[in-house]
Amino acid sequence: MATEEANIAVVRRFIDGAVNGGDLSVIDETWSHDMIWHGGSMGTFTGKPAYLAFATANGAGAFEGMHLDIHDVIAKDDKVVLRFTNSGTNVGPFMNNPPTGKHAEWLGIGIYTVHNGRITEGWFAEDILGMLLQLGAISLPA
C-alpha cells in the first residue's frame, strides 16, 4: 500500500502544483521525460517538451483560474484513477476558438501510470463538448 500512497502523492502534486497552482515547472518534477498524454479529443502528446507546449497554450494560456476538484481517487499497483471536475475562465484561444471570457466547468476522469515516482502515461476523458457549449464556442442543432 505504501507504493500506491506514494503514487497518489505524485499525482496530487501534479494537480495541486501545475493545474491548480499554475506552476508548470511541476510537470518537470512529476512527469517522466518520455511520458505520453492521451487526451481524447484534445490529442496525444509524446515527450515532456510536447506536453509542456500543449499545457502552456491550452491550460495557462487559454484559461485563467483553472481549478481541478478531485471527487474520487482509486489506486492499484502503478495506476491512479481520478474522477474530477475541472473549471476555468476562457481568456485565450482554445481549440481554434477565440477567447469568450466565459467561465466553464466540466467533468473528467484521468488514469495515471506512475513508475519510480514519475507519471509515465495519462489517459483522460473530459466533457470537452459540454465545456465548449458553456463557452458559447459551439451550439447544438435545434
N, C-alpha and C. Protein backbone atom coordinates (compact mmCIF):
# COMPACT_ATOMS: atom_id res chain seq x y z
N MET A 1 0.82 -1.20 0.00
CA MET A 1 0.00 0.00 0.00
C MET A 1 0.86 1.25 0.00
N ALA A 2 2.06 1.16 0.52
CA ALA A 2 2.93 2.34 0.56
C ALA A 2 3.21 2.86 -0.85
N THR A 3 3.38 1.95 -1.82
CA THR A 3 3.63 2.37 -3.20
C THR A 3 2.43 3.09 -3.77
N GLU A 4 1.23 2.57 -3.52
CA GLU A 4 0.02 3.21 -4.02
C GLU A 4 -0.15 4.60 -3.41
N GLU A 5 0.13 4.73 -2.13
CA GLU A 5 0.05 6.05 -1.48
C GLU A 5 1.08 7.01 -2.07
N ALA A 6 2.28 6.52 -2.35
CA ALA A 6 3.32 7.36 -2.97
C ALA A 6 2.89 7.79 -4.37
N ASN A 7 2.28 6.89 -5.12
CA ASN A 7 1.81 7.23 -6.47
C ASN A 7 0.70 8.27 -6.43
N ILE A 8 -0.21 8.14 -5.47
CA ILE A 8 -1.26 9.14 -5.30
C ILE A 8 -0.64 10.50 -4.98
N ALA A 9 0.38 10.51 -4.15
CA ALA A 9 1.05 11.76 -3.78
C ALA A 9 1.67 12.44 -5.00
N VAL A 10 2.26 11.67 -5.91
CA VAL A 10 2.84 12.24 -7.13
C VAL A 10 1.75 12.89 -7.98
N VAL A 11 0.64 12.18 -8.18
CA VAL A 11 -0.46 12.71 -9.00
C VAL A 11 -1.05 13.96 -8.34
N ARG A 12 -1.25 13.91 -7.03
CA ARG A 12 -1.79 15.09 -6.33
C ARG A 12 -0.81 16.27 -6.43
N ARG A 13 0.49 16.00 -6.38
CA ARG A 13 1.48 17.08 -6.51
C ARG A 13 1.35 17.75 -7.88
N PHE A 14 1.15 16.94 -8.92
CA PHE A 14 0.94 17.48 -10.26
C PHE A 14 -0.32 18.34 -10.31
N ILE A 15 -1.43 17.81 -9.80
CA ILE A 15 -2.71 18.54 -9.83
C ILE A 15 -2.60 19.84 -9.03
N ASP A 16 -2.11 19.73 -7.78
CA ASP A 16 -2.03 20.90 -6.90
C ASP A 16 -1.07 21.95 -7.44
N GLY A 17 0.08 21.51 -7.95
CA GLY A 17 1.10 22.46 -8.40
C GLY A 17 0.87 23.02 -9.78
N ALA A 18 0.70 22.12 -10.77
CA ALA A 18 0.61 22.56 -12.17
C ALA A 18 -0.80 23.01 -12.55
N VAL A 19 -1.80 22.19 -12.26
CA VAL A 19 -3.16 22.52 -12.70
C VAL A 19 -3.75 23.63 -11.82
N ASN A 20 -3.82 23.37 -10.52
CA ASN A 20 -4.46 24.34 -9.62
C ASN A 20 -3.54 25.51 -9.27
N GLY A 21 -2.25 25.26 -9.22
CA GLY A 21 -1.32 26.31 -8.83
C GLY A 21 -0.74 27.10 -10.00
N GLY A 22 -0.92 26.59 -11.22
CA GLY A 22 -0.41 27.28 -12.40
C GLY A 22 1.10 27.23 -12.55
N ASP A 23 1.78 26.41 -11.76
CA ASP A 23 3.24 26.30 -11.81
C ASP A 23 3.62 25.14 -12.72
N LEU A 24 3.81 25.44 -14.00
CA LEU A 24 4.08 24.38 -14.97
C LEU A 24 5.44 23.73 -14.77
N SER A 25 6.31 24.29 -13.95
CA SER A 25 7.59 23.64 -13.65
C SER A 25 7.37 22.34 -12.87
N VAL A 26 6.21 22.19 -12.26
CA VAL A 26 5.87 20.97 -11.53
C VAL A 26 5.76 19.79 -12.51
N ILE A 27 5.45 20.06 -13.77
CA ILE A 27 5.42 19.00 -14.78
C ILE A 27 6.78 18.33 -14.87
N ASP A 28 7.84 19.11 -14.84
CA ASP A 28 9.19 18.56 -14.92
C ASP A 28 9.50 17.66 -13.74
N GLU A 29 8.95 17.97 -12.60
CA GLU A 29 9.20 17.22 -11.37
C GLU A 29 8.33 15.97 -11.25
N THR A 30 7.17 15.93 -11.91
CA THR A 30 6.22 14.85 -11.70
C THR A 30 6.04 13.91 -12.89
N TRP A 31 6.39 14.33 -14.09
CA TRP A 31 6.24 13.50 -15.29
C TRP A 31 7.61 13.04 -15.79
N SER A 32 7.67 11.83 -16.35
CA SER A 32 8.92 11.32 -16.91
C SER A 32 9.20 12.03 -18.24
N HIS A 33 10.46 12.00 -18.67
CA HIS A 33 10.86 12.70 -19.90
C HIS A 33 10.14 12.11 -21.13
N ASP A 34 9.95 10.79 -21.14
CA ASP A 34 9.35 10.14 -22.30
C ASP A 34 7.86 9.84 -22.09
N MET A 35 7.21 10.67 -21.29
CA MET A 35 5.80 10.49 -20.95
C MET A 35 4.89 10.56 -22.18
N ILE A 36 3.70 9.98 -22.02
CA ILE A 36 2.66 10.05 -23.06
C ILE A 36 1.37 10.53 -22.40
N TRP A 37 0.75 11.55 -22.99
CA TRP A 37 -0.51 12.12 -22.50
C TRP A 37 -1.56 11.86 -23.58
N HIS A 38 -2.55 11.03 -23.28
CA HIS A 38 -3.64 10.71 -24.21
C HIS A 38 -4.85 11.53 -23.78
N GLY A 39 -5.17 12.57 -24.53
CA GLY A 39 -6.23 13.48 -24.12
C GLY A 39 -7.52 13.35 -24.88
N GLY A 40 -7.77 12.23 -25.53
CA GLY A 40 -9.01 12.09 -26.27
C GLY A 40 -9.13 13.16 -27.35
N SER A 41 -10.20 13.94 -27.32
CA SER A 41 -10.41 14.98 -28.34
C SER A 41 -9.36 16.08 -28.27
N MET A 42 -8.59 16.12 -27.17
CA MET A 42 -7.53 17.13 -27.03
C MET A 42 -6.23 16.69 -27.69
N GLY A 43 -6.13 15.43 -28.11
CA GLY A 43 -4.95 14.94 -28.79
C GLY A 43 -4.04 14.12 -27.88
N THR A 44 -2.98 13.59 -28.48
CA THR A 44 -1.98 12.80 -27.77
C THR A 44 -0.64 13.51 -27.90
N PHE A 45 0.09 13.58 -26.79
CA PHE A 45 1.39 14.25 -26.77
C PHE A 45 2.41 13.29 -26.20
N THR A 46 3.49 13.09 -26.93
CA THR A 46 4.56 12.19 -26.52
C THR A 46 5.79 13.00 -26.19
N GLY A 47 6.31 12.80 -25.00
CA GLY A 47 7.50 13.52 -24.54
C GLY A 47 7.12 14.77 -23.78
N LYS A 48 7.92 15.05 -22.77
CA LYS A 48 7.63 16.19 -21.90
C LYS A 48 7.63 17.53 -22.65
N PRO A 49 8.57 17.79 -23.58
CA PRO A 49 8.52 19.09 -24.28
C PRO A 49 7.21 19.32 -25.04
N ALA A 50 6.70 18.29 -25.72
CA ALA A 50 5.44 18.44 -26.46
C ALA A 50 4.28 18.68 -25.51
N TYR A 51 4.25 17.94 -24.40
CA TYR A 51 3.17 18.12 -23.44
C TYR A 51 3.24 19.49 -22.78
N LEU A 52 4.44 19.93 -22.45
CA LEU A 52 4.60 21.25 -21.82
C LEU A 52 4.13 22.36 -22.75
N ALA A 53 4.43 22.25 -24.04
CA ALA A 53 3.96 23.25 -25.01
C ALA A 53 2.43 23.26 -25.06
N PHE A 54 1.82 22.08 -25.07
CA PHE A 54 0.35 21.97 -25.05
C PHE A 54 -0.22 22.58 -23.77
N ALA A 55 0.35 22.22 -22.63
CA ALA A 55 -0.16 22.71 -21.34
C ALA A 55 -0.03 24.22 -21.24
N THR A 56 1.04 24.78 -21.78
CA THR A 56 1.25 26.22 -21.75
C THR A 56 0.18 26.93 -22.58
N ALA A 57 -0.08 26.42 -23.78
CA ALA A 57 -1.05 27.06 -24.67
C ALA A 57 -2.49 26.85 -24.23
N ASN A 58 -2.83 25.63 -23.81
CA ASN A 58 -4.24 25.30 -23.57
C ASN A 58 -4.66 25.34 -22.12
N GLY A 59 -3.73 25.35 -21.22
CA GLY A 59 -4.08 25.46 -19.81
C GLY A 59 -3.85 26.87 -19.34
N ALA A 60 -2.58 27.21 -19.18
CA ALA A 60 -2.22 28.53 -18.67
C ALA A 60 -2.59 29.64 -19.64
N GLY A 61 -2.50 29.39 -20.96
CA GLY A 61 -2.78 30.44 -21.93
C GLY A 61 -4.26 30.62 -22.24
N ALA A 62 -5.01 29.54 -22.25
CA ALA A 62 -6.40 29.59 -22.66
C ALA A 62 -7.36 29.85 -21.50
N PHE A 63 -6.97 29.42 -20.30
CA PHE A 63 -7.87 29.53 -19.16
C PHE A 63 -7.18 30.21 -17.99
N GLU A 64 -7.94 31.04 -17.31
CA GLU A 64 -7.48 31.71 -16.09
C GLU A 64 -8.24 31.08 -14.92
N GLY A 65 -7.56 30.96 -13.80
CA GLY A 65 -8.21 30.41 -12.62
C GLY A 65 -8.56 28.94 -12.77
N MET A 66 -7.77 28.23 -13.57
CA MET A 66 -8.02 26.80 -13.78
C MET A 66 -7.99 26.09 -12.43
N HIS A 67 -9.00 25.27 -12.20
CA HIS A 67 -9.05 24.53 -10.93
C HIS A 67 -9.66 23.16 -11.15
N LEU A 68 -8.99 22.14 -10.64
CA LEU A 68 -9.46 20.78 -10.74
C LEU A 68 -9.82 20.29 -9.34
N ASP A 69 -11.09 19.94 -9.14
CA ASP A 69 -11.57 19.39 -7.88
C ASP A 69 -11.63 17.87 -8.01
N ILE A 70 -10.91 17.17 -7.14
CA ILE A 70 -10.91 15.72 -7.16
C ILE A 70 -12.08 15.21 -6.31
N HIS A 71 -12.89 14.34 -6.91
CA HIS A 71 -14.04 13.76 -6.21
C HIS A 71 -13.75 12.35 -5.71
N ASP A 72 -13.02 11.57 -6.51
CA ASP A 72 -12.69 10.20 -6.14
C ASP A 72 -11.27 9.88 -6.58
N VAL A 73 -10.58 9.07 -5.77
CA VAL A 73 -9.24 8.58 -6.10
C VAL A 73 -9.25 7.07 -5.86
N ILE A 74 -8.80 6.33 -6.87
CA ILE A 74 -8.65 4.89 -6.75
C ILE A 74 -7.24 4.56 -7.20
N ALA A 75 -6.52 3.80 -6.39
CA ALA A 75 -5.15 3.41 -6.73
C ALA A 75 -4.98 1.91 -6.60
N LYS A 76 -4.30 1.33 -7.57
CA LYS A 76 -3.96 -0.10 -7.54
C LYS A 76 -2.66 -0.27 -8.31
N ASP A 77 -1.69 -0.87 -7.65
CA ASP A 77 -0.38 -1.10 -8.25
C ASP A 77 0.18 0.24 -8.77
N ASP A 78 0.46 0.33 -10.09
CA ASP A 78 1.06 1.56 -10.64
C ASP A 78 0.04 2.53 -11.22
N LYS A 79 -1.25 2.26 -11.04
CA LYS A 79 -2.31 3.12 -11.59
C LYS A 79 -2.97 3.96 -10.51
N VAL A 80 -3.26 5.23 -10.87
CA VAL A 80 -4.03 6.14 -10.03
C VAL A 80 -5.14 6.70 -10.91
N VAL A 81 -6.38 6.52 -10.47
CA VAL A 81 -7.55 6.98 -11.23
C VAL A 81 -8.23 8.11 -10.46
N LEU A 82 -8.52 9.20 -11.15
CA LEU A 82 -9.23 10.33 -10.55
C LEU A 82 -10.54 10.58 -11.29
N ARG A 83 -11.59 10.87 -10.53
CA ARG A 83 -12.82 11.43 -11.09
C ARG A 83 -12.84 12.86 -10.60
N PHE A 84 -13.01 13.81 -11.52
CA PHE A 84 -12.84 15.21 -11.15
C PHE A 84 -13.79 16.13 -11.90
N THR A 85 -13.85 17.36 -11.40
CA THR A 85 -14.48 18.47 -12.10
C THR A 85 -13.38 19.50 -12.34
N ASN A 86 -13.27 19.95 -13.58
CA ASN A 86 -12.29 20.97 -13.93
C ASN A 86 -13.06 22.24 -14.26
N SER A 87 -12.44 23.40 -14.05
CA SER A 87 -13.12 24.66 -14.36
C SER A 87 -12.09 25.75 -14.63
N GLY A 88 -12.55 26.79 -15.29
CA GLY A 88 -11.70 27.94 -15.56
C GLY A 88 -12.44 28.95 -16.42
N THR A 89 -11.87 30.14 -16.53
CA THR A 89 -12.42 31.21 -17.36
C THR A 89 -11.61 31.30 -18.64
N ASN A 90 -12.25 31.23 -19.77
CA ASN A 90 -11.60 31.22 -21.08
C ASN A 90 -11.11 32.63 -21.45
N VAL A 91 -9.80 32.84 -21.37
CA VAL A 91 -9.22 34.15 -21.62
C VAL A 91 -8.29 34.17 -22.84
N GLY A 92 -8.06 33.01 -23.44
CA GLY A 92 -7.19 32.93 -24.62
C GLY A 92 -7.75 31.93 -25.60
N PRO A 93 -7.18 31.87 -26.81
CA PRO A 93 -7.67 30.92 -27.81
C PRO A 93 -7.63 29.49 -27.29
N PHE A 94 -8.65 28.70 -27.64
CA PHE A 94 -8.73 27.31 -27.22
C PHE A 94 -9.35 26.48 -28.33
N MET A 95 -8.66 25.47 -28.79
CA MET A 95 -9.12 24.58 -29.86
C MET A 95 -9.60 25.39 -31.07
N ASN A 96 -8.78 26.34 -31.48
CA ASN A 96 -9.06 27.20 -32.64
C ASN A 96 -10.28 28.10 -32.47
N ASN A 97 -10.69 28.34 -31.24
CA ASN A 97 -11.78 29.27 -30.96
C ASN A 97 -11.22 30.49 -30.23
N PRO A 98 -11.74 31.68 -30.54
CA PRO A 98 -11.27 32.87 -29.83
C PRO A 98 -11.74 32.84 -28.37
N PRO A 99 -11.07 33.58 -27.50
CA PRO A 99 -11.49 33.63 -26.10
C PRO A 99 -12.89 34.20 -25.97
N THR A 100 -13.64 33.68 -25.00
CA THR A 100 -15.01 34.13 -24.79
C THR A 100 -15.18 34.93 -23.50
N GLY A 101 -14.23 34.81 -22.60
CA GLY A 101 -14.35 35.47 -21.30
C GLY A 101 -15.33 34.76 -20.37
N LYS A 102 -15.87 33.63 -20.82
CA LYS A 102 -16.86 32.90 -20.02
C LYS A 102 -16.18 31.84 -19.15
N HIS A 103 -16.84 31.55 -18.03
CA HIS A 103 -16.39 30.51 -17.11
C HIS A 103 -17.09 29.20 -17.48
N ALA A 104 -16.35 28.10 -17.42
CA ALA A 104 -16.93 26.79 -17.71
C ALA A 104 -16.48 25.79 -16.66
N GLU A 105 -17.29 24.76 -16.49
CA GLU A 105 -17.00 23.68 -15.54
C GLU A 105 -17.37 22.37 -16.22
N TRP A 106 -16.44 21.40 -16.22
CA TRP A 106 -16.70 20.15 -16.92
C TRP A 106 -16.12 18.97 -16.14
N LEU A 107 -16.73 17.80 -16.39
CA LEU A 107 -16.36 16.57 -15.70
C LEU A 107 -15.24 15.85 -16.44
N GLY A 108 -14.51 15.01 -15.69
CA GLY A 108 -13.47 14.23 -16.32
C GLY A 108 -13.01 13.06 -15.47
N ILE A 109 -12.32 12.15 -16.13
CA ILE A 109 -11.68 11.02 -15.48
C ILE A 109 -10.27 10.93 -16.05
N GLY A 110 -9.30 10.74 -15.17
CA GLY A 110 -7.91 10.58 -15.58
C GLY A 110 -7.34 9.29 -15.00
N ILE A 111 -6.60 8.56 -15.82
CA ILE A 111 -5.91 7.35 -15.37
C ILE A 111 -4.42 7.59 -15.56
N TYR A 112 -3.69 7.63 -14.47
CA TYR A 112 -2.26 7.89 -14.48
C TYR A 112 -1.49 6.61 -14.19
N THR A 113 -0.38 6.41 -14.91
CA THR A 113 0.55 5.34 -14.61
C THR A 113 1.79 5.99 -14.01
N VAL A 114 2.22 5.48 -12.86
CA VAL A 114 3.37 6.06 -12.14
C VAL A 114 4.44 4.99 -11.96
N HIS A 115 5.67 5.31 -12.38
CA HIS A 115 6.83 4.44 -12.19
C HIS A 115 7.96 5.25 -11.57
N ASN A 116 8.55 4.72 -10.53
CA ASN A 116 9.71 5.36 -9.89
C ASN A 116 9.47 6.83 -9.56
N GLY A 117 8.28 7.14 -9.06
CA GLY A 117 7.98 8.49 -8.61
C GLY A 117 7.68 9.49 -9.71
N ARG A 118 7.49 9.01 -10.94
CA ARG A 118 7.16 9.89 -12.07
C ARG A 118 5.96 9.34 -12.83
N ILE A 119 5.12 10.24 -13.32
CA ILE A 119 4.00 9.83 -14.16
C ILE A 119 4.55 9.54 -15.55
N THR A 120 4.28 8.33 -16.05
CA THR A 120 4.79 7.94 -17.36
C THR A 120 3.73 8.02 -18.45
N GLU A 121 2.46 7.91 -18.02
CA GLU A 121 1.38 7.92 -19.01
C GLU A 121 0.09 8.39 -18.35
N GLY A 122 -0.71 9.09 -19.12
CA GLY A 122 -2.01 9.54 -18.64
C GLY A 122 -3.05 9.36 -19.73
N TRP A 123 -4.21 8.85 -19.33
CA TRP A 123 -5.36 8.69 -20.22
C TRP A 123 -6.49 9.55 -19.65
N PHE A 124 -7.10 10.40 -20.49
CA PHE A 124 -8.10 11.34 -19.99
C PHE A 124 -9.36 11.32 -20.85
N ALA A 125 -10.49 11.37 -20.17
CA ALA A 125 -11.79 11.52 -20.83
C ALA A 125 -12.45 12.70 -20.13
N GLU A 126 -12.59 13.80 -20.87
CA GLU A 126 -13.19 15.01 -20.30
C GLU A 126 -14.35 15.44 -21.19
N ASP A 127 -15.34 16.07 -20.59
CA ASP A 127 -16.52 16.54 -21.31
C ASP A 127 -16.20 17.85 -22.03
N ILE A 128 -15.39 17.75 -23.07
CA ILE A 128 -14.98 18.94 -23.83
C ILE A 128 -16.18 19.53 -24.57
N LEU A 129 -17.09 18.69 -25.05
CA LEU A 129 -18.31 19.20 -25.71
C LEU A 129 -19.10 20.08 -24.74
N GLY A 130 -19.30 19.59 -23.52
CA GLY A 130 -20.03 20.38 -22.53
C GLY A 130 -19.33 21.70 -22.23
N MET A 131 -17.99 21.65 -22.15
CA MET A 131 -17.23 22.88 -21.90
C MET A 131 -17.39 23.87 -23.05
N LEU A 132 -17.27 23.39 -24.30
CA LEU A 132 -17.40 24.28 -25.45
C LEU A 132 -18.81 24.86 -25.56
N LEU A 133 -19.83 24.09 -25.17
CA LEU A 133 -21.20 24.62 -25.15
C LEU A 133 -21.32 25.75 -24.12
N GLN A 134 -20.74 25.55 -22.93
CA GLN A 134 -20.79 26.57 -21.88
C GLN A 134 -20.09 27.84 -22.33
N LEU A 135 -18.99 27.68 -23.07
CA LEU A 135 -18.22 28.84 -23.52
C LEU A 135 -18.91 29.55 -24.68
N GLY A 136 -19.89 28.92 -25.29
CA GLY A 136 -20.57 29.51 -26.44
C GLY A 136 -19.75 29.36 -27.72
N ALA A 137 -18.72 28.49 -27.67
CA ALA A 137 -17.88 28.29 -28.84
C ALA A 137 -18.59 27.46 -29.91
N ILE A 138 -19.54 26.64 -29.48
CA ILE A 138 -20.35 25.84 -30.41
C ILE A 138 -21.78 25.82 -29.87
N SER A 139 -22.70 25.41 -30.71
CA SER A 139 -24.07 25.23 -30.28
C SER A 139 -24.61 23.96 -30.91
N LEU A 140 -25.56 23.36 -30.24
CA LEU A 140 -26.19 22.15 -30.76
C LEU A 140 -27.26 22.54 -31.76
N PRO A 141 -27.51 21.68 -32.75
CA PRO A 141 -28.60 21.98 -33.70
C PRO A 141 -29.95 21.98 -32.97
N ALA A 142 -30.85 22.77 -33.48
CA ALA A 142 -32.18 22.87 -32.86
C ALA A 142 -32.95 21.58 -33.01
